[in-house]
Amino acid sequence: MLDILVKKPKNESLVAQLGSLYLSFQNVPKGERAHFDLSELDWACPLLLLPLATYIGETGSTYTPPASNKVAEYLNAVGFPLGVDSLDDFETQTQLHKSYISISVLKKERGVEREKLEMLFCKMVYKSLSSIGGAQNAVYQPIGEFVTNIFEHSHKDSGYLFGQHYSKKNYLDICIVDCGKGFAQSYKDAGHTTLSSEDAISEVMRGVSTKPSRERGFGVWTSKDIVCKALGGDFIILSGSAAFIAQSSEEKLVTLPNFNWQGVLVAYRIPEPKGPIDITPYVE
């Protein structure tokens, strides 16, 4: 079993969280069981915590909790690492820890209950924001889009959601993860030319479909525009050994050497809305 020390992120930005995630999984063979030492963490956001939780749950890995009692208590409050996969458990956790949103595990075979759990998660996220016109649609649309992609493209039976509202920092973080095919394999299985992780993400961001009919693609670009343009947030999507990062007015595709996330990870941060939000210019 590998021993992995999860490094404290250099700062609170999404890019710094991604850097810590990258260092944690660099040179880790696919599906390898590991022991993650979280003792250095004195703060972490969903972008770092959810993929760690997902990997621990998927591989049967283990972990040492943070030395900080405050952070260790937070992980316990959100159900780290296994999360909750039923409405009853989610509601129980919500009653116990009203200011936290639990790690939610969506199971494909549960159908209606899965959809209700997804909606309950969205309501918790929306409730953490002020009741500003258009905010509900702006919150729900990206989450719904990315969850739909998990079950349409990943060929995995489960997906993971996690979010946290930081009221003192005036922003909301969301992370959505699966351990499925990933973008490159999805394109390959659909008969496209074999693509690198970088090229596959580029195709996704262009809206190129994996379906023979060339109908609407992943819809990721639309959700990215809602997050970044309508909400003024930052956005990261990662698959395989590459990540697309959009923050402020800058967008870039980065290669992650000796790293491979089996599936797709989406993370974004949105500031608390200050006025009405209109997503119609960005919806396909």
C-alpha atoms as a PDB file:
ATOM      1  CA  MET A   1       0.000   0.000   0.000  1.00  0.00           C
ATOM      2  CA  LEU A   2       1.305   3.426  -0.933  1.00  0.00           C
ATOM      3  CA  ASP A   3       1.802   6.076   1.754  1.00  0.00           C
ATOM      4  CA  ILE A   4       0.798   9.527   0.506  1.00  0.00           C
ATOM      5  CA  LEU A   5       1.230  12.773   2.419  1.00  0.00           C
ATOM      6  CA  VAL A   6      -1.436  15.228   1.261  1.00  0.00           C
ATOM      7  CA  LYS A   7       0.270  18.599   1.173  1.00  0.00           C
ATOM      8  CA  LYS A   8      -1.388  21.693   2.562  1.00  0.00           C
ATOM      9  CA  PRO A   9      -2.435  23.921  -0.377  1.00  0.00           C
ATOM     10  CA  LYS A  10      -0.313  27.064  -0.762  1.00  0.00           C
ATOM     11  CA  ASN A  11      -3.397  29.258  -0.534  1.00  0.00           C
ATOM     12  CA  GLU A  12      -7.193  29.067  -0.746  1.00  0.00           C
ATOM     13  CA  SER A  13      -7.512  29.397  -4.534  1.00  0.00           C
ATOM     14  CA  LEU A  14      -8.911  26.594  -6.684  1.00  0.00           C
ATOM     15  CA  VAL A  15      -5.600  26.373  -8.539  1.00  0.00           C
ATOM     16  CA  ALA A  16      -3.728  25.849  -5.259  1.00  0.00           C
ATOM     17  CA  GLN A  17      -6.186  23.099  -4.289  1.00  0.00           C
ATOM     18  CA  LEU A  18      -5.616  21.507  -7.695  1.00  0.00           C
ATOM     19  CA  GLY A  19      -1.870  21.686  -7.085  1.00  0.00           C
ATOM     20  CA  SER A  20      -2.208  19.781  -3.820  1.00  0.00           C
ATOM     21  CA  LEU A  21      -4.435  17.195  -5.509  1.00  0.00           C
ATOM     22  CA  TYR A  22      -1.893  16.801  -8.315  1.00  0.00           C
ATOM     23  CA  LEU A  23       0.981  16.211  -5.893  1.00  0.00           C
ATOM     24  CA  SER A  24      -1.123  13.688  -3.959  1.00  0.00           C
ATOM     25  CA  PHE A  25      -1.909  11.541  -7.003  1.00  0.00           C
ATOM     26  CA  GLN A  26       1.258  12.049  -9.031  1.00  0.00           C
ATOM     27  CA  ASN A  27       2.797   8.672  -9.966  1.00  0.00           C
ATOM     28  CA  VAL A  28      -0.044   6.721  -8.312  1.00  0.00           C
ATOM     29  CA  PRO A  29      -0.909   3.656 -10.449  1.00  0.00           C
ATOM     30  CA  LYS A  30      -4.539   3.284 -11.513  1.00  0.00           C
ATOM     31  CA  GLY A  31      -6.674   1.842  -8.718  1.00  0.00           C
ATOM     32  CA  GLU A  32      -3.732   1.404  -6.336  1.00  0.00           C
ATOM     33  CA  ARG A  33      -4.722   1.216  -2.675  1.00  0.00           C
ATOM     34  CA  ALA A  34      -3.078   3.913  -0.612  1.00  0.00           C
ATOM     35  CA  HIS A  35      -2.931   5.419   2.845  1.00  0.00           C
ATOM     36  CA  PHE A  36      -3.492   9.173   2.724  1.00  0.00           C
ATOM     37  CA  ASP A  37      -1.974  11.237   5.521  1.00  0.00           C
ATOM     38  CA  LEU A  38      -4.143  14.342   5.939  1.00  0.00           C
ATOM     39  CA  SER A  39      -2.380  15.530   9.096  1.00  0.00           C
ATOM     40  CA  GLU A  40      -1.004  18.721   7.491  1.00  0.00           C
ATOM     41  CA  LEU A  41      -4.378  20.042   6.348  1.00  0.00           C
ATOM     42  CA  ASP A  42      -5.598  23.063   8.291  1.00  0.00           C
ATOM     43  CA  TRP A  43      -8.144  24.002   5.607  1.00  0.00           C
ATOM     44  CA  ALA A  44      -9.337  22.392   2.384  1.00  0.00           C
ATOM     45  CA  CYS A  45     -12.176  22.917  -0.064  1.00  0.00           C
ATOM     46  CA  PRO A  46     -14.321  20.441  -2.054  1.00  0.00           C
ATOM     47  CA  LEU A  47     -11.880  20.377  -5.004  1.00  0.00           C
ATOM     48  CA  LEU A  48      -9.308  18.624  -2.819  1.00  0.00           C
ATOM     49  CA  LEU A  49     -11.549  16.741  -0.403  1.00  0.00           C
ATOM     50  CA  LEU A  50     -14.074  15.171  -2.788  1.00  0.00           C
ATOM     51  CA  PRO A  51     -11.610  13.373  -5.109  1.00  0.00           C
ATOM     52  CA  LEU A  52      -9.735  12.126  -2.038  1.00  0.00           C
ATOM     53  CA  ALA A  53     -12.990  10.835  -0.543  1.00  0.00           C
ATOM     54  CA  THR A  54     -14.020   9.295  -3.858  1.00  0.00           C
ATOM     55  CA  TYR A  55     -10.699   7.531  -4.347  1.00  0.00           C
ATOM     56  CA  ILE A  56     -10.675   6.220  -0.771  1.00  0.00           C
ATOM     57  CA  GLY A  57     -14.183   4.844  -1.191  1.00  0.00           C
ATOM     58  CA  GLU A  58     -13.617   3.370  -4.650  1.00  0.00           C
ATOM     59  CA  THR A  59     -10.307   1.639  -3.824  1.00  0.00           C
ATOM     60  CA  GLY A  60     -10.735   0.744  -0.160  1.00  0.00           C
ATOM     61  CA  SER A  61      -7.864   3.042   0.751  1.00  0.00           C
ATOM     62  CA  THR A  62      -7.309   4.429   4.257  1.00  0.00           C
ATOM     63  CA  TYR A  63      -6.392   7.779   5.762  1.00  0.00           C
ATOM     64  CA  THR A  64      -5.001   9.565   8.792  1.00  0.00           C
ATOM     65  CA  PRO A  65      -7.273  12.456   9.825  1.00  0.00           C
ATOM     66  CA  PRO A  66      -6.028  16.050  10.007  1.00  0.00           C
ATOM     67  CA  ALA A  67      -4.133  17.042  13.146  1.00  0.00           C
ATOM     68  CA  SER A  68      -6.380  20.090  13.378  1.00  0.00           C
ATOM     69  CA  ASN A  69      -9.416  19.173  15.479  1.00  0.00           C
ATOM     70  CA  LYS A  70     -11.472  21.777  13.648  1.00  0.00           C
ATOM     71  CA  VAL A  71     -10.743  20.272  10.230  1.00  0.00           C
ATOM     72  CA  ALA A  72     -11.173  16.703  11.512  1.00  0.00           C
ATOM     73  CA  GLU A  73     -14.581  17.638  12.934  1.00  0.00           C
ATOM     74  CA  TYR A  74     -15.525  19.242   9.626  1.00  0.00           C
ATOM     75  CA  LEU A  75     -14.654  16.073   7.698  1.00  0.00           C
ATOM     76  CA  ASN A  76     -16.803  14.079  10.092  1.00  0.00           C
ATOM     77  CA  ALA A  77     -19.677  16.546   9.720  1.00  0.00           C
ATOM     78  CA  VAL A  78     -19.741  16.240   5.913  1.00  0.00           C
ATOM     79  CA  GLY A  79     -19.475  12.439   5.970  1.00  0.00           C
ATOM     80  CA  PHE A  80     -15.879  12.125   4.737  1.00  0.00           C
ATOM     81  CA  PRO A  81     -14.929   9.833   3.094  1.00  0.00           C
ATOM     82  CA  LEU A  82     -17.961   7.668   2.267  1.00  0.00           C
ATOM     83  CA  GLY A  83     -20.641  10.355   2.186  1.00  0.00           C
ATOM     84  CA  VAL A  84     -24.380   9.673   2.161  1.00  0.00           C
ATOM     85  CA  ASP A  85     -26.387   7.969  -0.565  1.00  0.00           C
ATOM     86  CA  SER A  86     -29.979   8.245   0.656  1.00  0.00           C
ATOM     87  CA  LEU A  87     -32.465  11.012   1.353  1.00  0.00           C
ATOM     88  CA  ASP A  88     -32.865   9.944   4.984  1.00  0.00           C
ATOM     89  CA  ASP A  89     -29.124  10.035   5.644  1.00  0.00           C
ATOM     90  CA  PHE A  90     -28.736  13.402   3.911  1.00  0.00           C
ATOM     91  CA  GLU A  91     -31.560  14.921   5.941  1.00  0.00           C
ATOM     92  CA  THR A  92     -30.158  13.448   9.167  1.00  0.00           C
ATOM     93  CA  GLN A  93     -26.742  14.960   8.471  1.00  0.00           C
ATOM     94  CA  THR A  94     -28.385  18.275   7.610  1.00  0.00           C
ATOM     95  CA  GLN A  95     -30.217  18.347  10.934  1.00  0.00           C
ATOM     96  CA  LEU A  96     -27.020  17.555  12.838  1.00  0.00           C
ATOM     97  CA  HIS A  97     -24.803  19.981  10.926  1.00  0.00           C
ATOM     98  CA  LYS A  98     -27.022  22.722   9.531  1.00  0.00           C
ATOM     99  CA  SER A  99     -24.251  24.877   8.059  1.00  0.00           C
ATOM    100  CA  TYR A 100     -22.586  22.043   6.139  1.00  0.00           C
ATOM    101  CA  ILE A 101     -23.539  20.179   2.978  1.00  0.00           C
ATOM    102  CA  SER A 102     -22.809  16.449   3.071  1.00  0.00           C
ATOM    103  CA  ILE A 103     -20.789  14.582   0.483  1.00  0.00           C
ATOM    104  CA  SER A 104     -23.538  13.034  -1.651  1.00  0.00           C
ATOM    105  CA  VAL A 105     -23.205   9.752  -3.527  1.00  0.00           C
ATOM    106  CA  LEU A 106     -25.624   9.388  -6.442  1.00  0.00           C
ATOM    107  CA  LYS A 107     -26.433   5.805  -7.439  1.00  0.00           C
ATOM    108  CA  LYS A 108     -27.561   5.226 -11.012  1.00  0.00           C
ATOM    109  CA  GLU A 109     -29.829   2.287 -10.229  1.00  0.00           C
ATOM    110  CA  ARG A 110     -31.830   4.222  -7.648  1.00  0.00           C
ATOM    111  CA  GLY A 111     -33.526   6.372 -10.272  1.00  0.00           C
ATOM    112  CA  VAL A 112     -36.140   8.541  -8.589  1.00  0.00           C
ATOM    113  CA  GLU A 113     -34.405   8.569  -5.195  1.00  0.00           C
ATOM    114  CA  ARG A 114     -31.135   9.596  -6.857  1.00  0.00           C
ATOM    115  CA  GLU A 115     -32.896  12.490  -8.585  1.00  0.00           C
ATOM    116  CA  LYS A 116     -34.488  13.550  -5.305  1.00  0.00           C
ATOM    117  CA  LEU A 117     -31.104  13.430  -3.551  1.00  0.00           C
ATOM    118  CA  GLU A 118     -29.590  15.539  -6.323  1.00  0.00           C
ATOM    119  CA  MET A 119     -32.435  18.052  -5.975  1.00  0.00           C
ATOM    120  CA  LEU A 120     -32.056  18.132  -2.193  1.00  0.00           C
ATOM    121  CA  PHE A 121     -28.356  18.842  -2.625  1.00  0.00           C
ATOM    122  CA  CYS A 122     -29.189  21.681  -5.037  1.00  0.00           C
ATOM    123  CA  LYS A 123     -31.713  23.125  -2.594  1.00  0.00           C
ATOM    124  CA  MET A 124     -29.116  23.123   0.177  1.00  0.00           C
ATOM    125  CA  VAL A 125     -26.696  24.920  -2.118  1.00  0.00           C
ATOM    126  CA  TYR A 126     -29.304  27.451  -3.209  1.00  0.00           C
ATOM    127  CA  LYS A 127     -30.479  28.030   0.367  1.00  0.00           C
ATOM    128  CA  SER A 128     -26.964  29.071   1.334  1.00  0.00           C
ATOM    129  CA  LEU A 129     -27.203  31.995  -1.109  1.00  0.00           C
ATOM    130  CA  SER A 130     -29.416  35.038  -0.815  1.00  0.00           C
ATOM    131  CA  SER A 131     -32.765  34.954  -2.624  1.00  0.00           C
ATOM    132  CA  ILE A 132     -31.644  36.876  -5.693  1.00  0.00           C
ATOM    133  CA  GLY A 133     -33.554  36.677  -8.956  1.00  0.00           C
ATOM    134  CA  GLY A 134     -32.213  34.014 -11.303  1.00  0.00           C
ATOM    135  CA  ALA A 135     -29.864  32.494  -8.713  1.00  0.00           C
ATOM    136  CA  GLN A 136     -31.803  29.243  -8.480  1.00  0.00           C
ATOM    137  CA  ASN A 137     -31.544  28.463 -12.202  1.00  0.00           C
ATOM    138  CA  ALA A 138     -27.906  29.539 -12.231  1.00  0.00           C
ATOM    139  CA  VAL A 139     -27.123  27.097  -9.415  1.00  0.00           C
ATOM    140  CA  TYR A 140     -29.246  24.197 -10.637  1.00  0.00           C
ATOM    141  CA  GLN A 141     -28.311  24.197 -14.334  1.00  0.00           C
ATOM    142  CA  PRO A 142     -24.567  23.415 -14.074  1.00  0.00           C
ATOM    143  CA  ILE A 143     -25.080  20.783 -11.375  1.00  0.00           C
ATOM    144  CA  GLY A 144     -27.795  19.075 -13.428  1.00  0.00           C
ATOM    145  CA  GLU A 145     -25.649  19.186 -16.576  1.00  0.00           C
ATOM    146  CA  PHE A 146     -22.594  17.632 -14.942  1.00  0.00           C
ATOM    147  CA  VAL A 147     -24.576  14.953 -13.101  1.00  0.00           C
ATOM    148  CA  THR A 148     -26.321  14.010 -16.359  1.00  0.00           C
ATOM    149  CA  ASN A 149     -22.915  13.632 -18.000  1.00  0.00           C
ATOM    150  CA  ILE A 150     -21.809  11.220 -15.287  1.00  0.00           C
ATOM    151  CA  PHE A 151     -24.524   8.734 -16.137  1.00  0.00           C
ATOM    152  CA  GLU A 152     -24.590   9.319 -19.905  1.00  0.00           C
ATOM    153  CA  HIS A 153     -20.858   9.267 -20.611  1.00  0.00           C
ATOM    154  CA  SER A 154     -18.891   7.790 -17.709  1.00  0.00           C
ATOM    155  CA  HIS A 155     -20.518   4.325 -17.792  1.00  0.00           C
ATOM    156  CA  LYS A 156     -20.144   4.341 -14.025  1.00  0.00           C
ATOM    157  CA  ASP A 157     -22.943   3.535 -11.620  1.00  0.00           C
ATOM    158  CA  SER A 158     -22.169   6.286  -9.139  1.00  0.00           C
ATOM    159  CA  GLY A 159     -21.216   9.941  -9.026  1.00  0.00           C
ATOM    160  CA  TYR A 160     -20.197  12.236  -6.192  1.00  0.00           C
ATOM    161  CA  LEU A 161     -21.287  15.773  -5.223  1.00  0.00           C
ATOM    162  CA  PHE A 162     -19.913  18.091  -2.580  1.00  0.00           C
ATOM    163  CA  GLY A 163     -20.305  21.769  -1.851  1.00  0.00           C
ATOM    164  CA  GLN A 164     -19.599  24.335   0.811  1.00  0.00           C
ATOM    165  CA  HIS A 165     -20.730  27.905   1.335  1.00  0.00           C
ATOM    166  CA  TYR A 166     -18.089  30.062   2.993  1.00  0.00           C
ATOM    167  CA  SER A 167     -20.188  32.865   4.449  1.00  0.00           C
ATOM    168  CA  LYS A 168     -17.221  34.823   5.826  1.00  0.00           C
ATOM    169  CA  LYS A 169     -15.391  34.589   2.512  1.00  0.00           C
ATOM    170  CA  ASN A 170     -18.544  35.304   0.473  1.00  0.00           C
ATOM    171  CA  TYR A 171     -18.262  32.451  -2.003  1.00  0.00           C
ATOM    172  CA  LEU A 172     -19.571  28.968  -2.724  1.00  0.00           C
ATOM    173  CA  ASP A 173     -17.524  25.966  -3.865  1.00  0.00           C
ATOM    174  CA  ILE A 174     -18.963  22.998  -5.761  1.00  0.00           C
ATOM    175  CA  CYS A 175     -17.193  19.804  -6.851  1.00  0.00           C
ATOM    176  CA  ILE A 176     -18.577  16.908  -8.917  1.00  0.00           C
ATOM    177  CA  VAL A 177     -16.567  13.738  -9.510  1.00  0.00           C
ATOM    178  CA  ASP A 178     -16.835  10.374 -11.221  1.00  0.00           C
ATOM    179  CA  CYS A 179     -14.380   7.512 -11.658  1.00  0.00           C
ATOM    180  CA  GLY A 180     -15.688   6.401 -15.040  1.00  0.00           C
ATOM    181  CA  LYS A 181     -14.271   6.340 -18.559  1.00  0.00           C
ATOM    182  CA  GLY A 182     -13.052   9.892 -18.812  1.00  0.00           C
ATOM    183  CA  PHE A 183     -13.370  12.029 -21.921  1.00  0.00           C
ATOM    184  CA  ALA A 184     -10.646  10.444 -24.065  1.00  0.00           C
ATOM    185  CA  GLN A 185     -12.058   6.933 -23.653  1.00  0.00           C
ATOM    186  CA  SER A 186     -15.607   8.164 -24.296  1.00  0.00           C
ATOM    187  CA  TYR A 187     -14.536   9.604 -27.650  1.00  0.00           C
ATOM    188  CA  LYS A 188     -12.572   6.467 -28.511  1.00  0.00           C
ATOM    189  CA  ASP A 189     -15.511   4.183 -27.712  1.00  0.00           C
ATOM    190  CA  ALA A 190     -17.721   6.343 -29.932  1.00  0.00           C
ATOM    191  CA  GLY A 191     -15.433   5.721 -32.903  1.00  0.00           C
ATOM    192  CA  HIS A 192     -13.492   8.965 -32.851  1.00  0.00           C
ATOM    193  CA  THR A 193      -9.758   9.158 -33.430  1.00  0.00           C
ATOM    194  CA  THR A 194      -7.721   8.303 -30.343  1.00  0.00           C
ATOM    195  CA  LEU A 195      -7.216  11.543 -28.454  1.00  0.00           C
ATOM    196  CA  SER A 196      -4.830  12.674 -25.754  1.00  0.00           C
ATOM    197  CA  SER A 197      -6.323  13.959 -22.503  1.00  0.00           C
ATOM    198  CA  GLU A 198      -5.601  17.513 -23.642  1.00  0.00           C
ATOM    199  CA  ASP A 199      -7.256  17.057 -27.033  1.00  0.00           C
ATOM    200  CA  ALA A 200     -10.258  15.301 -25.494  1.00  0.00           C
ATOM    201  CA  ILE A 201     -10.895  18.179 -23.097  1.00  0.00           C
ATOM    202  CA  SER A 202     -10.496  20.632 -25.974  1.00  0.00           C
ATOM    203  CA  GLU A 203     -13.173  18.742 -27.921  1.00  0.00           C
ATOM    204  CA  VAL A 204     -15.459  18.745 -24.895  1.00  0.00           C
ATOM    205  CA  MET A 205     -15.054  22.483 -24.468  1.00  0.00           C
ATOM    206  CA  ARG A 206     -15.922  22.933 -28.157  1.00  0.00           C
ATOM    207  CA  GLY A 207     -19.127  20.947 -27.651  1.00  0.00           C
ATOM    208  CA  VAL A 208     -18.113  18.050 -29.921  1.00  0.00           C
ATOM    209  CA  SER A 209     -20.458  15.133 -29.252  1.00  0.00           C
ATOM    210  CA  THR A 210     -19.408  11.524 -28.757  1.00  0.00           C
ATOM    211  CA  LYS A 211     -22.627  10.472 -30.483  1.00  0.00           C
ATOM    212  CA  PRO A 212     -22.673   9.449 -34.166  1.00  0.00           C
ATOM    213  CA  SER A 213     -25.505  11.851 -34.971  1.00  0.00           C
ATOM    214  CA  ARG A 214     -23.263  14.793 -34.044  1.00  0.00           C
ATOM    215  CA  GLU A 215     -26.006  16.153 -31.862  1.00  0.00           C
ATOM    216  CA  ARG A 216     -25.360  18.500 -28.968  1.00  0.00           C
ATOM    217  CA  GLY A 217     -22.211  17.515 -27.080  1.00  0.00           C
ATOM    218  CA  PHE A 218     -21.382  17.430 -23.418  1.00  0.00           C
ATOM    219  CA  GLY A 219     -22.849  20.894 -22.757  1.00  0.00           C
ATOM    220  CA  VAL A 220     -19.850  21.695 -20.560  1.00  0.00           C
ATOM    221  CA  TRP A 221     -19.120  24.966 -22.337  1.00  0.00           C
ATOM    222  CA  THR A 222     -22.603  26.258 -21.523  1.00  0.00           C
ATOM    223  CA  SER A 223     -22.199  25.459 -17.843  1.00  0.00           C
ATOM    224  CA  LYS A 224     -18.722  26.999 -17.829  1.00  0.00           C
ATOM    225  CA  ASP A 225     -20.148  30.223 -19.252  1.00  0.00           C
ATOM    226  CA  ILE A 226     -22.885  30.298 -16.621  1.00  0.00           C
ATOM    227  CA  VAL A 227     -20.316  29.842 -13.851  1.00  0.00           C
ATOM    228  CA  CYS A 228     -17.737  32.286 -15.218  1.00  0.00           C
ATOM    229  CA  LYS A 229     -19.784  34.890 -17.095  1.00  0.00           C
ATOM    230  CA  ALA A 230     -23.225  34.906 -15.486  1.00  0.00           C
ATOM    231  CA  LEU A 231     -21.954  34.267 -11.950  1.00  0.00           C
ATOM    232  CA  GLY A 232     -18.430  35.695 -12.162  1.00  0.00           C
ATOM    233  CA  GLY A 233     -16.839  32.502 -10.872  1.00  0.00           C
ATOM    234  CA  ASP A 234     -13.809  30.294 -11.492  1.00  0.00           C
ATOM    235  CA  PHE A 235     -14.027  26.884 -13.180  1.00  0.00           C
ATOM    236  CA  ILE A 236     -11.829  23.786 -13.491  1.00  0.00           C
ATOM    237  CA  ILE A 237     -12.493  20.540 -15.354  1.00  0.00           C
ATOM    238  CA  LEU A 238     -10.049  17.657 -15.228  1.00  0.00           C
ATOM    239  CA  SER A 239      -9.902  14.284 -16.965  1.00  0.00           C
ATOM    240  CA  GLY A 240      -6.991  11.915 -17.414  1.00  0.00           C
ATOM    241  CA  SER A 241      -3.783  13.925 -17.338  1.00  0.00           C
ATOM    242  CA  ALA A 242      -5.076  17.356 -18.315  1.00  0.00           C
ATOM    243  CA  ALA A 243      -7.165  20.163 -16.868  1.00  0.00           C
ATOM    244  CA  PHE A 244      -8.963  23.190 -18.301  1.00  0.00           C
ATOM    245  CA  ILE A 245      -8.887  26.237 -16.032  1.00  0.00           C
ATOM    246  CA  ALA A 246     -11.027  29.357 -16.430  1.00  0.00           C
ATOM    247  CA  GLN A 247     -10.635  32.245 -14.005  1.00  0.00           C
ATOM    248  CA  SER A 248     -11.261  35.952 -14.418  1.00  0.00           C
ATOM    249  CA  SER A 249     -10.878  36.498 -18.176  1.00  0.00           C
ATOM    250  CA  GLU A 250      -8.151  33.878 -18.604  1.00  0.00           C
ATOM    251  CA  GLU A 251      -8.643  30.337 -19.896  1.00  0.00           C
ATOM    252  CA  LYS A 252      -5.914  27.751 -20.271  1.00  0.00           C
ATOM    253  CA  LEU A 253      -5.393  24.046 -20.813  1.00  0.00           C
ATOM    254  CA  VAL A 254      -2.697  22.489 -18.640  1.00  0.00           C
ATOM    255  CA  THR A 255      -0.946  19.124 -18.796  1.00  0.00           C
ATOM    256  CA  LEU A 256      -0.470  17.157 -15.574  1.00  0.00           C
ATOM    257  CA  PRO A 257       2.622  14.930 -16.050  1.00  0.00           C
ATOM    258  CA  ASN A 258       2.631  11.513 -14.375  1.00  0.00           C
ATOM    259  CA  PHE A 259      -0.965  12.002 -13.256  1.00  0.00           C
ATOM    260  CA  ASN A 260      -4.138  10.270 -14.361  1.00  0.00           C
ATOM    261  CA  TRP A 261      -7.615  10.812 -12.954  1.00  0.00           C
ATOM    262  CA  GLN A 262      -9.762   7.903 -14.041  1.00  0.00           C
ATOM    263  CA  GLY A 263     -12.935   9.770 -14.899  1.00  0.00           C
ATOM    264  CA  VAL A 264     -13.907  13.430 -14.742  1.00  0.00           C
ATOM    265  CA  LEU A 265     -13.648  16.084 -12.046  1.00  0.00           C
ATOM    266  CA  VAL A 266     -15.444  19.422 -12.204  1.00  0.00           C
ATOM    267  CA  ALA A 267     -14.935  22.154  -9.622  1.00  0.00           C
ATOM    268  CA  TYR A 268     -16.055  25.741  -9.548  1.00  0.00           C
ATOM    269  CA  ARG A 269     -16.234  28.689  -7.191  1.00  0.00           C
ATOM    270  CA  ILE A 270     -18.891  31.392  -7.420  1.00  0.00           C
ATOM    271  CA  PRO A 271     -19.055  34.626  -5.422  1.00  0.00           C
ATOM    272  CA  GLU A 272     -22.250  35.430  -3.583  1.00  0.00           C
ATOM    273  CA  PRO A 273     -24.565  37.148  -6.106  1.00  0.00           C
ATOM    274  CA  LYS A 274     -25.018  40.878  -5.612  1.00  0.00           C
ATOM    275  CA  GLY A 275     -27.881  41.370  -8.061  1.00  0.00           C
ATOM    276  CA  PRO A 276     -30.270  39.555 -10.442  1.00  0.00           C
ATOM    277  CA  ILE A 277     -28.733  36.829 -12.612  1.00  0.00           C
ATOM    278  CA  ASP A 278     -29.734  36.103 -16.211  1.00  0.00           C
ATOM    279  CA  ILE A 279     -28.404  32.853 -17.681  1.00  0.00           C
ATOM    280  CA  THR A 280     -30.417  32.989 -20.914  1.00  0.00           C
ATOM    281  CA  PRO A 281     -27.539  34.413 -23.033  1.00  0.00           C
ATOM    282  CA  TYR A 282     -25.473  31.329 -22.181  1.00  0.00           C
ATOM    283  CA  VAL A 283     -28.033  28.516 -22.426  1.00  0.00           C
ATOM    284  CA  GLU A 284     -27.903  26.467 -25.638  1.00  0.00           C
END
